[in-house]
Amino acid sequence: VPNYLKRIIGNYLSDRLLAYETEHGQRSYRITGGVPQGSVLGPLLWNVMYDDLLRLKLSRGAEIVAFADDAGLVIVAKHLADVGRIFGGAYEDVQQWMGSVGLTLAAHKTEAVLFTSMKQLETITLNVGKQQPIPTHGSRQP
């Protein structure tokens, strides 16, 4: 990658300041993460950054999908115990990848949705390391 492109992207992502008006005059807030929302380069940079994540080799039954600027971990298994086991390994793989590229997982935005064709909805608690359990919601599919 040419140095001038690295410089442009670096400037795009660093030393950003949000300036806004209040009843007490202009205020500012230093932005330390993420890409500018609504920017022209945002989707392209997301694609470049997350391409490796979407190609990550996960254990059988786990797959990463993405839409807009969100990524999801899909686990397909016959038994809930398998869902928990597969999820735990895949979640750790995703967290490790994110750490390797200087990103962090927004645990407070993480939740699980359980889709099942069973008449009785079962529940599962997904724990990841020392974090709080991930909120899980169920949905019965015909």
Protein backbone atom coordinates (compact mmCIF):
# COMPACT_ATOMS: atom_id res chain seq x y z
CA VAL A 1 0.00 0.00 0.00
CA PRO A 2 1.50 3.34 -0.99
CA ASN A 3 2.55 5.61 1.88
CA TYR A 4 0.26 8.44 0.78
CA LEU A 5 -2.78 6.13 1.11
CA LYS A 6 -1.65 5.00 4.55
CA ARG A 7 -1.32 8.66 5.52
CA ILE A 8 -4.78 9.57 4.20
CA ILE A 9 -6.45 6.68 6.01
CA GLY A 10 -4.45 7.35 9.17
CA ASN A 11 -5.55 10.99 9.16
CA TYR A 12 -9.13 9.91 8.51
CA LEU A 13 -9.13 7.73 11.63
CA SER A 14 -6.97 9.69 14.10
CA ASP A 15 -7.08 12.98 16.00
CA ARG A 16 -10.81 13.41 15.41
CA LEU A 17 -12.80 15.98 17.31
CA LEU A 18 -16.57 16.27 17.51
CA ALA A 19 -17.55 19.93 17.78
CA TYR A 20 -21.09 20.85 18.81
CA GLU A 21 -23.06 23.83 20.06
CA THR A 22 -24.68 24.02 23.48
CA GLU A 23 -26.50 26.79 25.31
CA HIS A 24 -23.12 27.58 26.92
CA GLY A 25 -21.28 27.86 23.62
CA GLN A 26 -19.26 25.49 21.50
CA ARG A 27 -18.01 22.26 23.08
CA SER A 28 -15.83 19.49 21.71
CA TYR A 29 -15.27 15.81 22.38
CA ARG A 30 -12.31 13.73 21.22
CA ILE A 31 -13.36 10.64 19.22
CA THR A 32 -11.09 7.70 20.00
CA GLY A 33 -12.64 4.82 18.06
CA GLY A 34 -14.74 3.79 15.10
CA VAL A 35 -15.13 5.37 11.71
CA PRO A 36 -17.05 8.56 11.08
CA GLN A 37 -20.72 7.67 10.69
CA GLY A 38 -22.22 8.49 7.32
CA SER A 39 -18.85 9.00 5.70
CA VAL A 40 -18.15 8.05 2.11
CA LEU A 41 -15.10 5.97 3.03
CA GLY A 42 -16.78 4.19 5.96
CA PRO A 43 -18.29 1.20 4.09
CA LEU A 44 -15.13 0.65 2.03
CA LEU A 45 -12.89 0.71 5.10
CA TRP A 46 -15.28 -1.64 6.92
CA ASN A 47 -15.08 -4.09 4.00
CA VAL A 48 -11.29 -3.90 3.90
CA MET A 49 -10.98 -4.37 7.66
CA TYR A 50 -13.56 -7.10 8.15
CA ASP A 51 -12.72 -9.18 5.08
CA ASP A 52 -10.26 -11.21 7.17
CA LEU A 53 -12.88 -11.74 9.87
CA LEU A 54 -15.39 -13.03 7.33
CA ARG A 55 -12.74 -15.48 6.06
CA LEU A 56 -11.83 -16.68 9.55
CA LYS A 57 -11.75 -20.50 9.76
CA LEU A 58 -14.11 -21.48 12.56
CA SER A 59 -15.04 -24.88 13.91
CA ARG A 60 -17.68 -26.94 12.13
CA GLY A 61 -21.15 -25.54 12.75
CA ALA A 62 -20.00 -21.93 13.11
CA GLU A 63 -20.05 -19.22 10.46
CA ILE A 64 -19.69 -15.45 10.40
CA VAL A 65 -22.16 -13.34 8.44
CA ALA A 66 -22.32 -9.58 8.00
CA PHE A 67 -24.86 -6.94 7.05
CA ALA A 68 -24.10 -3.24 6.76
CA ASP A 69 -21.66 -2.57 9.62
CA ASP A 70 -22.65 -5.49 11.86
CA ALA A 71 -21.26 -9.00 12.03
CA GLY A 72 -23.04 -12.05 13.38
CA LEU A 73 -21.91 -15.46 14.49
CA VAL A 74 -24.25 -18.22 13.29
CA ILE A 75 -24.14 -21.56 15.08
CA VAL A 76 -26.02 -24.55 13.66
CA ALA A 77 -26.36 -27.61 15.89
CA LYS A 78 -28.86 -30.29 16.77
CA HIS A 79 -28.44 -30.06 20.56
CA LEU A 80 -28.16 -27.05 22.87
CA ALA A 81 -25.02 -28.44 24.50
CA ASP A 82 -23.37 -28.40 21.07
CA VAL A 83 -24.51 -24.81 20.50
CA GLY A 84 -22.76 -23.72 23.69
CA ARG A 85 -19.56 -25.61 22.91
CA ILE A 86 -19.33 -24.43 19.27
CA PHE A 87 -20.22 -20.87 20.26
CA GLY A 88 -17.58 -20.73 22.99
CA GLY A 89 -14.78 -21.70 20.61
CA ALA A 90 -15.97 -19.46 17.77
CA TYR A 91 -16.47 -16.46 20.08
CA GLU A 92 -12.93 -16.86 21.41
CA ASP A 93 -11.59 -17.06 17.82
CA VAL A 94 -13.44 -13.85 16.90
CA GLN A 95 -12.23 -12.07 20.04
CA GLN A 96 -8.65 -13.16 19.34
CA TRP A 97 -8.85 -11.88 15.74
CA MET A 98 -10.28 -8.57 16.91
CA GLY A 99 -7.50 -8.15 19.45
CA SER A 100 -4.89 -8.92 16.79
CA VAL A 101 -6.12 -5.98 14.68
CA GLY A 102 -6.59 -3.56 17.57
CA LEU A 103 -10.37 -3.87 17.89
CA THR A 104 -12.53 -4.78 20.86
CA LEU A 105 -15.83 -6.59 20.96
CA ALA A 106 -18.72 -4.48 22.28
CA ALA A 107 -19.93 -7.00 24.87
CA HIS A 108 -22.83 -4.71 25.88
CA LYS A 109 -24.12 -4.91 22.28
CA THR A 110 -23.77 -8.68 22.06
CA GLU A 111 -26.83 -10.89 22.26
CA ALA A 112 -27.93 -14.30 21.03
CA VAL A 113 -31.11 -15.39 19.26
CA LEU A 114 -32.05 -19.06 19.35
CA PHE A 115 -34.12 -20.29 16.40
CA THR A 116 -35.72 -23.70 16.79
CA SER A 117 -38.48 -25.80 15.25
CA MET A 118 -39.17 -27.52 18.58
CA LYS A 119 -42.61 -26.94 20.09
CA GLN A 120 -41.12 -26.22 23.49
CA LEU A 121 -38.58 -23.39 23.51
CA GLU A 122 -35.51 -24.34 25.48
CA THR A 123 -33.20 -21.82 27.07
CA ILE A 124 -29.45 -21.63 27.04
CA THR A 125 -26.97 -19.46 28.88
CA LEU A 126 -23.95 -18.50 26.83
CA ASN A 127 -21.00 -17.53 29.00
CA VAL A 128 -17.80 -16.11 27.62
CA GLY A 129 -14.78 -15.97 29.88
CA LYS A 130 -15.31 -13.71 32.89
CA GLN A 131 -17.94 -11.59 31.15
CA GLN A 132 -21.61 -11.47 32.07
CA PRO A 133 -23.74 -14.11 30.31
CA ILE A 134 -24.82 -13.06 26.84
CA PRO A 135 -28.57 -12.24 26.75
CA THR A 136 -30.41 -14.97 24.83
CA HIS A 137 -33.81 -14.70 23.15
CA GLY A 138 -35.78 -17.56 21.63
CA SER A 139 -37.94 -17.79 18.53
CA ARG A 140 -39.90 -20.80 17.30
CA GLN A 141 -39.76 -21.39 13.55
CA PRO A 142 -42.40 -23.61 11.87
